[in-house]
Amino acid sequence: MALPMQWTSILAIYALFWVVSAFVLLPFGVQTHDEAGIEKVPGQADSAPADFRPGTVAKRASLLAAVLTFLYVLNYAYGWIEAEDLILWGPGA
């Protein structure tokens, strides 16, 4: 089966989904020093994470971006949702 779009387009869409996913997932699973019961460093922001793990965020973002890209490519191939379906008001609604 041939790909419905070029692989470079799929890669670009994956990269966009990855960046958005990383920013969306950043606040999940993060504790401040107060929440973790750890003493803060003098001058530290109250909202600073106690144990930030960028690798975990990257893995989660990679998985979410892969799922979203897969769904996007399937939608592109089969046309489940088209631009006309997103018009909620105005002409043609």
PDB file of N, CA and C in Angstrom:
ATOM      1  N   MET A   1       0.845  -1.181   0.000  1.00  0.00           N
ATOM      2  CA  MET A   1       0.000   0.000   0.000  1.00  0.00           C
ATOM      3  C   MET A   1       0.890   1.244   0.000  1.00  0.00           C
ATOM      4  N   ALA A   2       0.604   2.156  -0.877  1.00  0.00           N
ATOM      5  CA  ALA A   2       1.375   3.394  -0.965  1.00  0.00           C
ATOM      6  C   ALA A   2       0.929   4.362   0.124  1.00  0.00           C
ATOM      7  N   LEU A   3       1.864   5.169   0.591  1.00  0.00           N
ATOM      8  CA  LEU A   3       1.523   6.174   1.595  1.00  0.00           C
ATOM      9  C   LEU A   3       0.641   7.245   0.960  1.00  0.00           C
ATOM     10  N   PRO A   4      -0.346   7.738   1.682  1.00  0.00           N
ATOM     11  CA  PRO A   4      -1.251   8.735   1.116  1.00  0.00           C
ATOM     12  C   PRO A   4      -0.604  10.113   0.949  1.00  0.00           C
ATOM     13  N   MET A   5       0.520  10.341   1.596  1.00  0.00           N
ATOM     14  CA  MET A   5       1.235  11.601   1.448  1.00  0.00           C
ATOM     15  C   MET A   5       2.724  11.308   1.539  1.00  0.00           C
ATOM     16  N   GLN A   6       3.524  12.279   1.186  1.00  0.00           N
ATOM     17  CA  GLN A   6       4.968  12.077   1.199  1.00  0.00           C
ATOM     18  C   GLN A   6       5.466  11.886   2.621  1.00  0.00           C
ATOM     19  N   TRP A   7       6.529  11.098   2.776  1.00  0.00           N
ATOM     20  CA  TRP A   7       7.052  10.817   4.110  1.00  0.00           C
ATOM     21  C   TRP A   7       7.603  12.076   4.761  1.00  0.00           C
ATOM     22  N   THR A   8       8.081  13.032   3.957  1.00  0.00           N
ATOM     23  CA  THR A   8       8.592  14.273   4.544  1.00  0.00           C
ATOM     24  C   THR A   8       7.455  15.100   5.148  1.00  0.00           C
ATOM     25  N   SER A   9       6.291  15.036   4.542  1.00  0.00           N
ATOM     26  CA  SER A   9       5.121  15.721   5.102  1.00  0.00           C
ATOM     27  C   SER A   9       4.697  15.068   6.409  1.00  0.00           C
ATOM     28  N   ILE A  10       4.723  13.752   6.444  1.00  0.00           N
ATOM     29  CA  ILE A  10       4.378  13.037   7.663  1.00  0.00           C
ATOM     30  C   ILE A  10       5.371  13.379   8.773  1.00  0.00           C
ATOM     31  N   LEU A  11       6.642  13.455   8.442  1.00  0.00           N
ATOM     32  CA  LEU A  11       7.669  13.811   9.423  1.00  0.00           C
ATOM     33  C   LEU A  11       7.469  15.229   9.953  1.00  0.00           C
ATOM     34  N   ALA A  12       7.130  16.156   9.074  1.00  0.00           N
ATOM     35  CA  ALA A  12       6.888  17.543   9.494  1.00  0.00           C
ATOM     36  C   ALA A  12       5.671  17.631  10.408  1.00  0.00           C
ATOM     37  N   ILE A  13       4.613  16.902  10.085  1.00  0.00           N
ATOM     38  CA  ILE A  13       3.406  16.884  10.915  1.00  0.00           C
ATOM     39  C   ILE A  13       3.719  16.262  12.266  1.00  0.00           C
ATOM     40  N   TYR A  14       4.522  15.195  12.273  1.00  0.00           N
ATOM     41  CA  TYR A  14       4.931  14.565  13.535  1.00  0.00           C
ATOM     42  C   TYR A  14       5.708  15.566  14.396  1.00  0.00           C
ATOM     43  N   ALA A  15       6.611  16.319  13.794  1.00  0.00           N
ATOM     44  CA  ALA A  15       7.402  17.297  14.545  1.00  0.00           C
ATOM     45  C   ALA A  15       6.505  18.372  15.157  1.00  0.00           C
ATOM     46  N   LEU A  16       5.527  18.834  14.410  1.00  0.00           N
ATOM     47  CA  LEU A  16       4.590  19.826  14.951  1.00  0.00           C
ATOM     48  C   LEU A  16       3.778  19.239  16.107  1.00  0.00           C
ATOM     49  N   PHE A  17       3.268  18.032  15.925  1.00  0.00           N
ATOM     50  CA  PHE A  17       2.522  17.385  17.003  1.00  0.00           C
ATOM     51  C   PHE A  17       3.411  17.137  18.223  1.00  0.00           C
ATOM     52  N   TRP A  18       4.690  16.820  17.996  1.00  0.00           N
ATOM     53  CA  TRP A  18       5.607  16.560  19.109  1.00  0.00           C
ATOM     54  C   TRP A  18       5.819  17.812  19.948  1.00  0.00           C
ATOM     55  N   VAL A  19       6.032  18.939  19.310  1.00  0.00           N
ATOM     56  CA  VAL A  19       6.249  20.187  20.047  1.00  0.00           C
ATOM     57  C   VAL A  19       5.010  20.563  20.852  1.00  0.00           C
ATOM     58  N   VAL A  20       3.857  20.495  20.224  1.00  0.00           N
ATOM     59  CA  VAL A  20       2.611  20.821  20.930  1.00  0.00           C
ATOM     60  C   VAL A  20       2.381  19.839  22.078  1.00  0.00           C
ATOM     61  N   SER A  21       2.614  18.560  21.840  1.00  0.00           N
ATOM     62  CA  SER A  21       2.430  17.548  22.879  1.00  0.00           C
ATOM     63  C   SER A  21       3.372  17.780  24.054  1.00  0.00           C
ATOM     64  N   ALA A  22       4.606  18.129  23.768  1.00  0.00           N
ATOM     65  CA  ALA A  22       5.574  18.371  24.844  1.00  0.00           C
ATOM     66  C   ALA A  22       5.110  19.522  25.730  1.00  0.00           C
ATOM     67  N   PHE A  23       4.642  20.602  25.138  1.00  0.00           N
ATOM     68  CA  PHE A  23       4.179  21.731  25.934  1.00  0.00           C
ATOM     69  C   PHE A  23       2.903  21.393  26.709  1.00  0.00           C
ATOM     70  N   VAL A  24       2.030  20.600  26.118  1.00  0.00           N
ATOM     71  CA  VAL A  24       0.791  20.221  26.800  1.00  0.00           C
ATOM     72  C   VAL A  24       1.102  19.299  27.985  1.00  0.00           C
ATOM     73  N   LEU A  25       2.076  18.411  27.839  1.00  0.00           N
ATOM     74  CA  LEU A  25       2.381  17.428  28.877  1.00  0.00           C
ATOM     75  C   LEU A  25       3.333  17.944  29.955  1.00  0.00           C
ATOM     76  N   LEU A  26       3.942  19.096  29.760  1.00  0.00           N
ATOM     77  CA  LEU A  26       4.909  19.610  30.738  1.00  0.00           C
ATOM     78  C   LEU A  26       4.384  19.672  32.173  1.00  0.00           C
ATOM     79  N   PRO A  27       3.189  20.176  32.423  1.00  0.00           N
ATOM     80  CA  PRO A  27       2.772  20.311  33.826  1.00  0.00           C
ATOM     81  C   PRO A  27       2.334  19.011  34.508  1.00  0.00           C
ATOM     82  N   PHE A  28       2.160  17.935  33.770  1.00  0.00           N
ATOM     83  CA  PHE A  28       1.662  16.695  34.369  1.00  0.00           C
ATOM     84  C   PHE A  28       2.779  15.915  35.054  1.00  0.00           C
ATOM     85  N   GLY A  29       2.532  15.517  36.288  1.00  0.00           N
ATOM     86  CA  GLY A  29       3.500  14.712  37.033  1.00  0.00           C
ATOM     87  C   GLY A  29       4.631  15.507  37.643  1.00  0.00           C
ATOM     88  N   VAL A  30       4.522  16.819  37.693  1.00  0.00           N
ATOM     89  CA  VAL A  30       5.583  17.660  38.240  1.00  0.00           C
ATOM     90  C   VAL A  30       5.147  18.167  39.608  1.00  0.00           C
ATOM     91  N   GLN A  31       6.046  18.101  40.580  1.00  0.00           N
ATOM     92  CA  GLN A  31       5.775  18.607  41.913  1.00  0.00           C
ATOM     93  C   GLN A  31       6.731  19.746  42.243  1.00  0.00           C
ATOM     94  N   THR A  32       6.223  20.734  42.982  1.00  0.00           N
ATOM     95  CA  THR A  32       7.097  21.792  43.476  1.00  0.00           C
ATOM     96  C   THR A  32       7.829  21.276  44.710  1.00  0.00           C
ATOM     97  N   HIS A  33       8.779  22.051  45.186  1.00  0.00           N
ATOM     98  CA  HIS A  33       9.516  21.651  46.384  1.00  0.00           C
ATOM     99  C   HIS A  33       8.591  21.570  47.593  1.00  0.00           C
ATOM    100  N   ASP A  34       7.631  22.481  47.680  1.00  0.00           N
ATOM    101  CA  ASP A  34       6.674  22.456  48.790  1.00  0.00           C
ATOM    102  C   ASP A  34       5.824  21.189  48.750  1.00  0.00           C
ATOM    103  N   GLU A  35       5.359  20.804  47.565  1.00  0.00           N
ATOM    104  CA  GLU A  35       4.539  19.602  47.424  1.00  0.00           C
ATOM    105  C   GLU A  35       5.332  18.334  47.728  1.00  0.00           C
ATOM    106  N   ALA A  36       6.614  18.338  47.374  1.00  0.00           N
ATOM    107  CA  ALA A  36       7.461  17.170  47.599  1.00  0.00           C
ATOM    108  C   ALA A  36       8.052  17.148  49.004  1.00  0.00           C
ATOM    109  N   GLY A  37       7.917  18.255  49.743  1.00  0.00           N
ATOM    110  CA  GLY A  37       8.463  18.318  51.095  1.00  0.00           C
ATOM    111  C   GLY A  37       9.969  18.494  51.126  1.00  0.00           C
ATOM    112  N   ILE A  38      10.513  19.118  50.099  1.00  0.00           N
ATOM    113  CA  ILE A  38      11.955  19.345  50.001  1.00  0.00           C
ATOM    114  C   ILE A  38      12.229  20.821  50.261  1.00  0.00           C
ATOM    115  N   GLU A  39      13.355  21.105  50.884  1.00  0.00           N
ATOM    116  CA  GLU A  39      13.728  22.493  51.169  1.00  0.00           C
ATOM    117  C   GLU A  39      14.138  23.201  49.880  1.00  0.00           C
ATOM    118  N   LYS A  40      13.677  24.436  49.739  1.00  0.00           N
ATOM    119  CA  LYS A  40      13.986  25.221  48.540  1.00  0.00           C
ATOM    120  C   LYS A  40      15.362  25.874  48.655  1.00  0.00           C
ATOM    121  N   VAL A  41      15.951  26.122  47.502  1.00  0.00           N
ATOM    122  CA  VAL A  41      17.206  26.855  47.412  1.00  0.00           C
ATOM    123  C   VAL A  41      16.883  28.339  47.543  1.00  0.00           C
ATOM    124  N   PRO A  42      17.675  29.112  48.283  1.00  0.00           N
ATOM    125  CA  PRO A  42      17.384  30.545  48.411  1.00  0.00           C
ATOM    126  C   PRO A  42      17.316  31.235  47.041  1.00  0.00           C
ATOM    127  N   GLY A  43      16.259  32.013  46.830  1.00  0.00           N
ATOM    128  CA  GLY A  43      16.058  32.725  45.568  1.00  0.00           C
ATOM    129  C   GLY A  43      15.303  31.929  44.520  1.00  0.00           C
ATOM    130  N   GLN A  44      14.948  30.717  44.847  1.00  0.00           N
ATOM    131  CA  GLN A  44      14.245  29.849  43.894  1.00  0.00           C
ATOM    132  C   GLN A  44      12.782  30.256  43.787  1.00  0.00           C
ATOM    133  N   ALA A  45      12.219  30.161  42.598  1.00  0.00           N
ATOM    134  CA  ALA A  45      10.801  30.446  42.390  1.00  0.00           C
ATOM    135  C   ALA A  45       9.961  29.388  43.098  1.00  0.00           C
ATOM    136  N   ASP A  46       8.830  29.814  43.625  1.00  0.00           N
ATOM    137  CA  ASP A  46       7.945  28.877  44.328  1.00  0.00           C
ATOM    138  C   ASP A  46       7.406  27.800  43.396  1.00  0.00           C
ATOM    139  N   SER A  47       7.296  28.103  42.116  1.00  0.00           N
ATOM    140  CA  SER A  47       6.715  27.161  41.157  1.00  0.00           C
ATOM    141  C   SER A  47       7.755  26.260  40.479  1.00  0.00           C
ATOM    142  N   ALA A  48       9.016  26.354  40.863  1.00  0.00           N
ATOM    143  CA  ALA A  48      10.064  25.541  40.234  1.00  0.00           C
ATOM    144  C   ALA A  48       9.858  24.065  40.553  1.00  0.00           C
ATOM    145  N   PRO A  49      10.038  23.192  39.568  1.00  0.00           N
ATOM    146  CA  PRO A  49       9.842  21.758  39.826  1.00  0.00           C
ATOM    147  C   PRO A  49      10.951  21.195  40.716  1.00  0.00           C
ATOM    148  N   ALA A  50      10.577  20.235  41.569  1.00  0.00           N
ATOM    149  CA  ALA A  50      11.543  19.625  42.477  1.00  0.00           C
ATOM    150  C   ALA A  50      12.426  18.621  41.732  1.00  0.00           C
ATOM    151  N   ASP A  51      11.837  17.849  40.854  1.00  0.00           N
ATOM    152  CA  ASP A  51      12.588  16.812  40.144  1.00  0.00           C
ATOM    153  C   ASP A  51      12.092  16.761  38.703  1.00  0.00           C
ATOM    154  N   PHE A  52      12.598  17.657  37.868  1.00  0.00           N
ATOM    155  CA  PHE A  52      12.163  17.721  36.472  1.00  0.00           C
ATOM    156  C   PHE A  52      12.874  16.653  35.668  1.00  0.00           C
ATOM    157  N   ARG A  53      12.102  15.880  34.912  1.00  0.00           N
ATOM    158  CA  ARG A  53      12.659  14.792  34.100  1.00  0.00           C
ATOM    159  C   ARG A  53      12.300  15.025  32.633  1.00  0.00           C
ATOM    160  N   PRO A  54      13.169  15.699  31.893  1.00  0.00           N
ATOM    161  CA  PRO A  54      12.857  15.984  30.494  1.00  0.00           C
ATOM    162  C   PRO A  54      12.763  14.729  29.630  1.00  0.00           C
ATOM    163  N   GLY A  55      13.478  13.677  30.009  1.00  0.00           N
ATOM    164  CA  GLY A  55      13.402  12.430  29.243  1.00  0.00           C
ATOM    165  C   GLY A  55      12.012  11.817  29.284  1.00  0.00           C
ATOM    166  N   THR A  56      11.389  11.875  30.451  1.00  0.00           N
ATOM    167  CA  THR A  56      10.029  11.347  30.595  1.00  0.00           C
ATOM    168  C   THR A  56       9.047  12.157  29.770  1.00  0.00           C
ATOM    169  N   VAL A  57       9.195  13.480  29.812  1.00  0.00           N
ATOM    170  CA  VAL A  57       8.323  14.347  29.013  1.00  0.00           C
ATOM    171  C   VAL A  57       8.526  14.050  27.527  1.00  0.00           C
ATOM    172  N   ALA A  58       9.765  13.862  27.099  1.00  0.00           N
ATOM    173  CA  ALA A  58      10.054  13.579  25.689  1.00  0.00           C
ATOM    174  C   ALA A  58       9.456  12.242  25.250  1.00  0.00           C
ATOM    175  N   LYS A  59       9.548  11.225  26.111  1.00  0.00           N
ATOM    176  CA  LYS A  59       8.973   9.914  25.770  1.00  0.00           C
ATOM    177  C   LYS A  59       7.458   9.995  25.639  1.00  0.00           C
ATOM    178  N   ARG A  60       6.833  10.679  26.601  1.00  0.00           N
ATOM    179  CA  ARG A  60       5.375  10.819  26.553  1.00  0.00           C
ATOM    180  C   ARG A  60       4.947  11.632  25.330  1.00  0.00           C
ATOM    181  N   ALA A  61       5.686  12.703  25.034  1.00  0.00           N
ATOM    182  CA  ALA A  61       5.369  13.538  23.870  1.00  0.00           C
ATOM    183  C   ALA A  61       5.553  12.737  22.582  1.00  0.00           C
ATOM    184  N   SER A  62       6.573  11.899  22.525  1.00  0.00           N
ATOM    185  CA  SER A  62       6.817  11.079  21.335  1.00  0.00           C
ATOM    186  C   SER A  62       5.670  10.107  21.095  1.00  0.00           C
ATOM    187  N   LEU A  63       5.206   9.484  22.166  1.00  0.00           N
ATOM    188  CA  LEU A  63       4.095   8.538  22.032  1.00  0.00           C
ATOM    189  C   LEU A  63       2.815   9.250  21.614  1.00  0.00           C
ATOM    190  N   LEU A  64       2.501  10.355  22.275  1.00  0.00           N
ATOM    191  CA  LEU A  64       1.293  11.097  21.928  1.00  0.00           C
ATOM    192  C   LEU A  64       1.367  11.647  20.509  1.00  0.00           C
ATOM    193  N   ALA A  65       2.516  12.171  20.109  1.00  0.00           N
ATOM    194  CA  ALA A  65       2.679  12.700  18.752  1.00  0.00           C
ATOM    195  C   ALA A  65       2.544  11.595  17.711  1.00  0.00           C
ATOM    196  N   ALA A  66       3.047  10.398  18.011  1.00  0.00           N
ATOM    197  CA  ALA A  66       2.925   9.278  17.072  1.00  0.00           C
ATOM    198  C   ALA A  66       1.460   8.899  16.879  1.00  0.00           C
ATOM    199  N   VAL A  67       0.698   8.851  17.972  1.00  0.00           N
ATOM    200  CA  VAL A  67      -0.721   8.508  17.881  1.00  0.00           C
ATOM    201  C   VAL A  67      -1.474   9.577  17.094  1.00  0.00           C
ATOM    202  N   LEU A  68      -1.216  10.851  17.413  1.00  0.00           N
ATOM    203  CA  LEU A  68      -1.898  11.943  16.715  1.00  0.00           C
ATOM    204  C   LEU A  68      -1.532  11.987  15.232  1.00  0.00           C
ATOM    205  N   THR A  69      -0.273  11.745  14.916  1.00  0.00           N
ATOM    206  CA  THR A  69       0.157  11.727  13.511  1.00  0.00           C
ATOM    207  C   THR A  69      -0.502  10.564  12.768  1.00  0.00           C
ATOM    208  N   PHE A  70      -0.566   9.412  13.404  1.00  0.00           N
ATOM    209  CA  PHE A  70      -1.214   8.250  12.799  1.00  0.00           C
ATOM    210  C   PHE A  70      -2.674   8.561  12.483  1.00  0.00           C
ATOM    211  N   LEU A  71      -3.382   9.159  13.442  1.00  0.00           N
ATOM    212  CA  LEU A  71      -4.783   9.516  13.218  1.00  0.00           C
ATOM    213  C   LEU A  71      -4.915  10.574  12.124  1.00  0.00           C
ATOM    214  N   TYR A  72      -3.991  11.530  12.093  1.00  0.00           N
ATOM    215  CA  TYR A  72      -4.030  12.577  11.070  1.00  0.00           C
ATOM    216  C   TYR A  72      -3.851  11.973   9.676  1.00  0.00           C
ATOM    217  N   VAL A  73      -2.887  11.075   9.525  1.00  0.00           N
ATOM    218  CA  VAL A  73      -2.627  10.463   8.222  1.00  0.00           C
ATOM    219  C   VAL A  73      -3.811   9.587   7.798  1.00  0.00           C
ATOM    220  N   LEU A  74      -4.395   8.860   8.741  1.00  0.00           N
ATOM    221  CA  LEU A  74      -5.584   8.068   8.408  1.00  0.00           C
ATOM    222  C   LEU A  74      -6.734   8.965   7.979  1.00  0.00           C
ATOM    223  N   ASN A  75      -6.924  10.075   8.684  1.00  0.00           N
ATOM    224  CA  ASN A  75      -7.984  11.013   8.307  1.00  0.00           C
ATOM    225  C   ASN A  75      -7.703  11.603   6.922  1.00  0.00           C
ATOM    226  N   TYR A  76      -6.448  11.891   6.631  1.00  0.00           N
ATOM    227  CA  TYR A  76      -6.072  12.422   5.320  1.00  0.00           C
ATOM    228  C   TYR A  76      -6.395  11.397   4.226  1.00  0.00           C
ATOM    229  N   ALA A  77      -6.121  10.128   4.514  1.00  0.00           N
ATOM    230  CA  ALA A  77      -6.330   9.081   3.511  1.00  0.00           C
ATOM    231  C   ALA A  77      -7.808   8.769   3.297  1.00  0.00           C
ATOM    232  N   TYR A  78      -8.578   8.733   4.376  1.00  0.00           N
ATOM    233  CA  TYR A  78      -9.972   8.292   4.274  1.00  0.00           C
ATOM    234  C   TYR A  78     -10.980   9.429   4.319  1.00  0.00           C
ATOM    235  N   GLY A  79     -10.556  10.636   4.662  1.00  0.00           N
ATOM    236  CA  GLY A  79     -11.440  11.794   4.631  1.00  0.00           C
ATOM    237  C   GLY A  79     -12.575  11.758   5.624  1.00  0.00           C
ATOM    238  N   TRP A  80     -12.311  11.295   6.839  1.00  0.00           N
ATOM    239  CA  TRP A  80     -13.363  11.234   7.858  1.00  0.00           C
ATOM    240  C   TRP A  80     -13.869  12.624   8.212  1.00  0.00           C
ATOM    241  N   ILE A  81     -12.943  13.553   8.428  1.00  0.00           N
ATOM    242  CA  ILE A  81     -13.305  14.937   8.759  1.00  0.00           C
ATOM    243  C   ILE A  81     -12.646  15.826   7.712  1.00  0.00           C
ATOM    244  N   GLU A  82     -13.459  16.614   7.018  1.00  0.00           N
ATOM    245  CA  GLU A  82     -12.939  17.515   5.998  1.00  0.00           C
ATOM    246  C   GLU A  82     -13.150  18.950   6.442  1.00  0.00           C
ATOM    247  N   ALA A  83     -12.576  19.890   5.704  1.00  0.00           N
ATOM    248  CA  ALA A  83     -12.649  21.303   6.074  1.00  0.00           C
ATOM    249  C   ALA A  83     -14.096  21.784   6.174  1.00  0.00           C
ATOM    250  N   GLU A  84     -14.958  21.296   5.297  1.00  0.00           N
ATOM    251  CA  GLU A  84     -16.364  21.701   5.313  1.00  0.00           C
ATOM    252  C   GLU A  84     -17.065  21.254   6.599  1.00  0.00           C
ATOM    253  N   ASP A  85     -16.585  20.184   7.209  1.00  0.00           N
ATOM    254  CA  ASP A  85     -17.182  19.689   8.446  1.00  0.00           C
ATOM    255  C   ASP A  85     -16.874  20.581   9.638  1.00  0.00           C
ATOM    256  N   LEU A  86     -15.858  21.421   9.522  1.00  0.00           N
ATOM    257  CA  LEU A  86     -15.445  22.274  10.629  1.00  0.00           C
ATOM    258  C   LEU A  86     -16.145  23.639  10.614  1.00  0.00           C
ATOM    259  N   ILE A  87     -16.919  23.931   9.591  1.00  0.00           N
ATOM    260  CA  ILE A  87     -17.664  25.194   9.523  1.00  0.00           C
ATOM    261  C   ILE A  87     -18.923  25.029  10.361  1.00  0.00           C
ATOM    262  N   LEU A  88     -18.969  25.735  11.489  1.00  0.00           N
ATOM    263  CA  LEU A  88     -20.097  25.573  12.401  1.00  0.00           C
ATOM    264  C   LEU A  88     -21.180  26.611  12.189  1.00  0.00           C
ATOM    265  N   TRP A  89     -20.830  27.750  11.563  1.00  0.00           N
ATOM    266  CA  TRP A  89     -21.814  28.780  11.287  1.00  0.00           C
ATOM    267  C   TRP A  89     -21.393  29.498  10.003  1.00  0.00           C
ATOM    268  N   GLY A  90     -22.302  30.268   9.449  1.00  0.00           N
ATOM    269  CA  GLY A  90     -22.003  30.986   8.215  1.00  0.00           C
ATOM    270  C   GLY A  90     -22.578  30.280   7.014  1.00  0.00           C
ATOM    271  N   PRO A  91     -22.147  30.685   5.821  1.00  0.00           N
ATOM    272  CA  PRO A  91     -22.678  30.079   4.587  1.00  0.00           C
ATOM    273  C   PRO A  91     -22.393  28.578   4.537  1.00  0.00           C
ATOM    274  N   GLY A  92     -23.389  27.841   4.186  1.00  0.00           N
ATOM    275  CA  GLY A  92     -23.227  26.396   4.023  1.00  0.00           C
ATOM    276  C   GLY A  92     -23.345  25.603   5.313  1.00  0.00           C
ATOM    277  N   ALA A  93     -23.639  26.268   6.412  1.00  0.00           N
ATOM    278  CA  ALA A  93     -23.702  25.552   7.700  1.00  0.00           C
ATOM    279  C   ALA A  93     -24.993  24.791   7.849  1.00  0.00           C
TER     280      ALA A  93
END
